[in-house]
Amino acid sequence: MAELHSVLLVAVIAGVTAVLRFLPFAAFGGGRPTPRIILYLARVLPCAIMGMLVIYCLRNVDLWGASHGLPELLAGAVVVGLHLWKHNTLLSIAAGTALYMVLVQVVF
């Protein structure tokens, strides 16, 4: 019974994912122009989401604690610096995350 439940659960999740992936093509396909609001959202949402993620990640930084927020500051500086230098988001985030983990686990 548990196996059937798991299979049905995976099938429903896969179906919902597929519908969500194909829905924009169905809604805006057929040679119709994309609405201006969608073009606006496509332009501003990535920056807004990244800003929210930065705030979410830094919300519990204790500036008065033992490390004074130094690991977060150094890792953030590496992310920004690498991105300005290489323009590679994956490299920037991976390097910043790796540096942060080394600083938290080994240094501080």
Protein backbone atom coordinates (compact mmCIF):
# COMPACT_ATOMS: atom_id res chain seq x y z
CA MET A 1 0.00 0.00 0.00
CA ALA A 2 2.85 2.39 0.83
CA GLU A 3 4.46 1.73 -2.55
CA LEU A 4 1.24 2.63 -4.38
CA HIS A 5 0.96 5.82 -2.33
CA SER A 6 4.54 6.76 -3.22
CA VAL A 7 4.01 6.07 -6.92
CA LEU A 8 0.79 8.13 -6.98
CA LEU A 9 2.48 10.95 -5.09
CA VAL A 10 5.36 11.08 -7.56
CA ALA A 11 2.91 10.93 -10.49
CA VAL A 12 0.87 13.86 -9.15
CA ILE A 13 4.00 15.92 -8.49
CA ALA A 14 5.31 15.17 -12.00
CA GLY A 15 1.95 16.07 -13.54
CA VAL A 16 1.70 19.38 -11.69
CA THR A 17 5.30 20.23 -12.61
CA ALA A 18 4.65 19.47 -16.28
CA VAL A 19 1.47 21.58 -16.32
CA LEU A 20 3.27 24.50 -14.70
CA ARG A 21 6.11 24.24 -17.22
CA PHE A 22 3.82 24.12 -20.28
CA LEU A 23 1.21 26.63 -19.09
CA PRO A 24 3.11 29.77 -20.20
CA PHE A 25 3.57 28.34 -23.70
CA ALA A 26 -0.12 27.55 -23.94
CA ALA A 27 -1.17 30.93 -22.56
CA PHE A 28 1.18 33.09 -24.65
CA GLY A 29 1.80 30.92 -27.69
CA GLY A 30 0.15 31.02 -31.07
CA GLY A 31 1.91 34.12 -32.39
CA ARG A 32 0.16 36.49 -29.98
CA PRO A 33 2.33 39.25 -28.52
CA THR A 34 3.39 38.82 -24.90
CA PRO A 35 1.50 41.20 -22.61
CA ARG A 36 3.48 44.19 -21.35
CA ILE A 37 2.97 43.24 -17.70
CA ILE A 38 4.63 39.85 -18.30
CA LEU A 39 7.59 41.53 -20.01
CA TYR A 40 7.88 43.95 -17.08
CA LEU A 41 7.77 41.13 -14.54
CA ALA A 42 10.37 39.17 -16.49
CA ARG A 43 12.66 42.18 -16.25
CA VAL A 44 12.25 43.08 -12.56
CA LEU A 45 11.50 39.82 -10.72
CA PRO A 46 14.97 38.22 -10.96
CA CYS A 47 16.57 41.21 -9.20
CA ALA A 48 13.78 41.35 -6.62
CA ILE A 49 14.12 37.64 -5.87
CA MET A 50 17.90 37.89 -5.48
CA GLY A 51 17.47 40.85 -3.13
CA MET A 52 14.98 38.90 -1.03
CA LEU A 53 17.36 35.93 -0.87
CA VAL A 54 20.21 38.16 0.33
CA ILE A 55 18.01 39.64 3.04
CA TYR A 56 16.79 36.17 4.02
CA CYS A 57 20.35 34.84 4.28
CA LEU A 58 21.63 37.77 6.32
CA ARG A 59 18.62 38.24 8.61
CA ASN A 60 20.13 36.37 11.58
CA VAL A 61 23.69 37.69 11.40
CA ASP A 62 24.82 38.58 14.90
CA LEU A 63 27.12 41.59 14.63
CA TRP A 64 27.77 41.45 18.38
CA GLY A 65 28.57 37.72 18.43
CA ALA A 66 31.95 36.02 18.36
CA SER A 67 32.57 36.37 14.61
CA HIS A 68 30.90 39.82 14.28
CA GLY A 69 29.39 38.79 10.93
CA LEU A 70 32.82 38.50 9.34
CA PRO A 71 32.20 35.16 7.54
CA GLU A 72 29.03 36.53 5.95
CA LEU A 73 30.73 39.79 4.97
CA LEU A 74 33.76 38.04 3.44
CA ALA A 75 31.66 35.48 1.57
CA GLY A 76 29.34 38.20 0.28
CA ALA A 77 32.31 40.26 -0.89
CA VAL A 78 33.69 37.24 -2.75
CA VAL A 79 30.33 36.64 -4.44
CA VAL A 80 30.04 40.28 -5.55
CA GLY A 81 33.69 40.54 -6.59
CA LEU A 82 33.69 37.32 -8.59
CA HIS A 83 30.43 38.22 -10.28
CA LEU A 84 31.71 41.65 -11.29
CA TRP A 85 34.92 40.08 -12.55
CA LYS A 86 33.73 36.89 -14.28
CA HIS A 87 29.97 37.53 -14.80
CA ASN A 88 29.31 33.90 -13.89
CA THR A 89 26.52 33.49 -11.36
CA LEU A 90 27.17 29.80 -10.68
CA LEU A 91 30.87 30.39 -10.05
CA SER A 92 30.18 33.37 -7.80
CA ILE A 93 27.61 31.59 -5.64
CA ALA A 94 29.61 28.36 -5.44
CA ALA A 95 32.81 30.16 -4.42
CA GLY A 96 31.02 32.31 -1.86
CA THR A 97 29.26 29.31 -0.36
CA ALA A 98 32.48 27.30 -0.20
CA LEU A 99 34.34 30.18 1.44
CA TYR A 100 31.55 30.72 3.96
CA MET A 101 31.51 27.04 4.92
CA VAL A 102 35.30 26.96 5.35
CA LEU A 103 35.20 30.11 7.46
CA VAL A 104 32.38 28.84 9.68
CA GLN A 105 33.69 25.28 10.05
CA VAL A 106 37.43 25.89 10.29
CA VAL A 107 38.28 29.50 11.04
CA PHE A 108 35.55 30.84 13.32
